[in-house]
Amino acid sequence: METRCKTRMELANEYGVDRKTFRRMLERVGVNLTSGLVTPTEQSLIFEKLGIPGKMKKGILKIPH
């Protein structure tokens, strides 16, 4: 994985979803991001909660309700 800051749009694209959907996914798993770019530390937390993009089965995201 890259160790650079990314935009929310970049991360949403990696997961194959819209930016707004990505925001809702993060809210559902309790991930609150700081404003601005998403740091590598925050990205690690996202990957821990949602899984690593590209290593998941296509079209299936396991998000707790």
N, C-alpha and C. Protein backbone atom coordinates (compact mmCIF):
# COMPACT_ATOMS: atom_id res chain seq x y z
N MET A 1 0.83 -1.18 0.00
CA MET A 1 0.00 0.00 0.00
C MET A 1 0.88 1.25 0.00
N GLU A 2 0.36 2.26 -0.65
CA GLU A 2 1.07 3.53 -0.67
C GLU A 2 1.02 4.19 0.70
N THR A 3 2.02 4.96 1.00
CA THR A 3 2.04 5.68 2.27
C THR A 3 2.01 7.18 2.01
N ARG A 4 0.94 7.63 1.35
CA ARG A 4 0.75 9.04 1.10
C ARG A 4 -0.68 9.41 1.47
N CYS A 5 -0.90 10.68 1.71
CA CYS A 5 -2.25 11.15 1.99
C CYS A 5 -3.08 11.04 0.71
N LYS A 6 -4.37 10.76 0.89
CA LYS A 6 -5.28 10.62 -0.25
C LYS A 6 -6.55 11.41 0.03
N THR A 7 -7.25 11.74 -1.05
CA THR A 7 -8.54 12.37 -0.89
C THR A 7 -9.59 11.31 -0.61
N ARG A 8 -10.72 11.76 -0.10
CA ARG A 8 -11.83 10.84 0.14
C ARG A 8 -12.32 10.25 -1.18
N MET A 9 -12.27 11.07 -2.23
CA MET A 9 -12.70 10.61 -3.55
C MET A 9 -11.80 9.48 -4.04
N GLU A 10 -10.49 9.60 -3.84
CA GLU A 10 -9.56 8.54 -4.25
C GLU A 10 -9.90 7.24 -3.53
N LEU A 11 -10.14 7.34 -2.23
CA LEU A 11 -10.45 6.13 -1.45
C LEU A 11 -11.79 5.55 -1.86
N ALA A 12 -12.78 6.40 -2.09
CA ALA A 12 -14.08 5.91 -2.54
C ALA A 12 -13.94 5.17 -3.87
N ASN A 13 -13.14 5.72 -4.78
CA ASN A 13 -12.90 5.06 -6.07
C ASN A 13 -12.23 3.71 -5.89
N GLU A 14 -11.31 3.61 -4.94
CA GLU A 14 -10.65 2.33 -4.67
C GLU A 14 -11.66 1.28 -4.22
N TYR A 15 -12.68 1.71 -3.47
CA TYR A 15 -13.72 0.79 -3.01
C TYR A 15 -14.83 0.62 -4.04
N GLY A 16 -14.77 1.42 -5.11
CA GLY A 16 -15.76 1.29 -6.17
C GLY A 16 -17.12 1.87 -5.82
N VAL A 17 -17.14 2.89 -4.97
CA VAL A 17 -18.39 3.51 -4.57
C VAL A 17 -18.30 5.02 -4.72
N ASP A 18 -19.45 5.68 -4.66
CA ASP A 18 -19.53 7.14 -4.69
C ASP A 18 -18.98 7.71 -3.38
N ARG A 19 -18.52 8.94 -3.43
CA ARG A 19 -17.96 9.59 -2.24
C ARG A 19 -18.96 9.64 -1.09
N LYS A 20 -20.23 9.92 -1.41
CA LYS A 20 -21.25 9.99 -0.36
C LYS A 20 -21.51 8.61 0.25
N THR A 21 -21.51 7.59 -0.57
CA THR A 21 -21.67 6.23 -0.07
C THR A 21 -20.49 5.86 0.82
N PHE A 22 -19.29 6.26 0.41
CA PHE A 22 -18.09 6.00 1.21
C PHE A 22 -18.22 6.66 2.59
N ARG A 23 -18.72 7.89 2.62
CA ARG A 23 -18.90 8.60 3.89
C ARG A 23 -19.87 7.83 4.79
N ARG A 24 -20.97 7.35 4.21
CA ARG A 24 -21.94 6.58 5.00
C ARG A 24 -21.34 5.27 5.50
N MET A 25 -20.51 4.64 4.67
CA MET A 25 -19.84 3.40 5.09
C MET A 25 -18.96 3.67 6.30
N LEU A 26 -18.22 4.77 6.27
CA LEU A 26 -17.35 5.12 7.38
C LEU A 26 -18.15 5.42 8.64
N GLU A 27 -19.25 6.13 8.49
CA GLU A 27 -20.10 6.44 9.64
C GLU A 27 -20.62 5.16 10.28
N ARG A 28 -21.02 4.21 9.44
CA ARG A 28 -21.58 2.96 9.93
C ARG A 28 -20.60 2.14 10.76
N VAL A 29 -19.31 2.21 10.42
CA VAL A 29 -18.31 1.44 11.17
C VAL A 29 -17.62 2.29 12.23
N GLY A 30 -18.06 3.54 12.40
CA GLY A 30 -17.54 4.38 13.46
C GLY A 30 -16.20 5.04 13.18
N VAL A 31 -15.89 5.28 11.92
CA VAL A 31 -14.63 5.94 11.56
C VAL A 31 -14.91 7.42 11.33
N ASN A 32 -14.30 8.27 12.16
CA ASN A 32 -14.43 9.71 12.02
C ASN A 32 -13.10 10.27 11.55
N LEU A 33 -13.10 10.86 10.37
CA LEU A 33 -11.87 11.39 9.80
C LEU A 33 -11.71 12.86 10.13
N THR A 34 -10.46 13.30 10.21
CA THR A 34 -10.18 14.71 10.37
C THR A 34 -10.45 15.40 9.03
N SER A 35 -10.53 16.71 9.05
CA SER A 35 -10.76 17.42 7.79
C SER A 35 -9.50 17.39 6.94
N GLY A 36 -9.67 17.60 5.66
CA GLY A 36 -8.53 17.59 4.75
C GLY A 36 -8.25 16.20 4.21
N LEU A 37 -7.02 15.99 3.80
CA LEU A 37 -6.63 14.70 3.22
C LEU A 37 -6.65 13.60 4.27
N VAL A 38 -6.85 12.38 3.81
CA VAL A 38 -6.88 11.20 4.69
C VAL A 38 -5.45 10.71 4.85
N THR A 39 -4.97 10.71 6.08
CA THR A 39 -3.59 10.33 6.36
C THR A 39 -3.40 8.83 6.25
N PRO A 40 -2.15 8.38 6.09
CA PRO A 40 -1.90 6.94 6.07
C PRO A 40 -2.41 6.22 7.33
N THR A 41 -2.32 6.88 8.48
CA THR A 41 -2.82 6.28 9.72
C THR A 41 -4.33 6.08 9.65
N GLU A 42 -5.04 7.09 9.15
CA GLU A 42 -6.49 6.98 9.00
C GLU A 42 -6.84 5.92 7.95
N GLN A 43 -6.04 5.84 6.89
CA GLN A 43 -6.27 4.83 5.86
C GLN A 43 -6.14 3.44 6.45
N SER A 44 -5.17 3.24 7.32
CA SER A 44 -4.99 1.93 7.96
C SER A 44 -6.23 1.56 8.77
N LEU A 45 -6.80 2.54 9.47
CA LEU A 45 -8.01 2.30 10.25
C LEU A 45 -9.17 1.93 9.33
N ILE A 46 -9.29 2.65 8.22
CA ILE A 46 -10.34 2.35 7.24
C ILE A 46 -10.18 0.93 6.71
N PHE A 47 -8.97 0.55 6.34
CA PHE A 47 -8.71 -0.78 5.80
C PHE A 47 -9.01 -1.86 6.84
N GLU A 48 -8.73 -1.55 8.11
CA GLU A 48 -9.01 -2.49 9.20
C GLU A 48 -10.52 -2.71 9.34
N LYS A 49 -11.29 -1.64 9.20
CA LYS A 49 -12.74 -1.73 9.39
C LYS A 49 -13.48 -2.23 8.16
N LEU A 50 -13.04 -1.80 6.96
CA LEU A 50 -13.76 -2.13 5.73
C LEU A 50 -13.08 -3.20 4.88
N GLY A 51 -11.84 -3.52 5.20
CA GLY A 51 -11.08 -4.44 4.36
C GLY A 51 -10.24 -3.66 3.36
N ILE A 52 -9.27 -4.31 2.79
CA ILE A 52 -8.38 -3.67 1.83
C ILE A 52 -9.04 -3.69 0.45
N PRO A 53 -9.14 -2.52 -0.19
CA PRO A 53 -9.77 -2.49 -1.51
C PRO A 53 -9.01 -3.39 -2.49
N GLY A 54 -9.74 -4.07 -3.34
CA GLY A 54 -9.12 -4.95 -4.32
C GLY A 54 -8.89 -6.36 -3.79
N LYS A 55 -8.92 -6.54 -2.49
CA LYS A 55 -8.74 -7.86 -1.90
C LYS A 55 -10.07 -8.41 -1.40
N MET A 56 -11.14 -7.70 -1.76
CA MET A 56 -12.46 -8.12 -1.35
C MET A 56 -13.16 -8.74 -2.54
N LYS A 57 -14.18 -9.52 -2.28
CA LYS A 57 -15.00 -10.07 -3.36
C LYS A 57 -15.74 -8.91 -3.99
N LYS A 58 -15.78 -8.90 -5.29
CA LYS A 58 -16.40 -7.81 -6.03
C LYS A 58 -17.87 -7.65 -5.65
N GLY A 59 -18.25 -6.40 -5.33
CA GLY A 59 -19.62 -6.09 -5.03
C GLY A 59 -20.08 -6.43 -3.63
N ILE A 60 -19.17 -6.94 -2.79
CA ILE A 60 -19.57 -7.31 -1.44
C ILE A 60 -18.72 -6.56 -0.43
N LEU A 61 -19.37 -5.72 0.34
CA LEU A 61 -18.72 -5.03 1.45
C LEU A 61 -19.41 -5.47 2.72
N LYS A 62 -18.66 -5.94 3.67
CA LYS A 62 -19.24 -6.37 4.94
C LYS A 62 -19.22 -5.18 5.88
N ILE A 63 -20.39 -4.58 6.03
CA ILE A 63 -20.53 -3.43 6.90
C ILE A 63 -21.53 -3.79 7.99
N PRO A 64 -21.09 -3.74 9.26
CA PRO A 64 -22.00 -4.07 10.35
C PRO A 64 -23.16 -3.07 10.41
N HIS A 65 -24.34 -3.53 10.78
CA HIS A 65 -25.53 -2.65 10.87
C HIS A 65 -25.70 -2.14 12.26
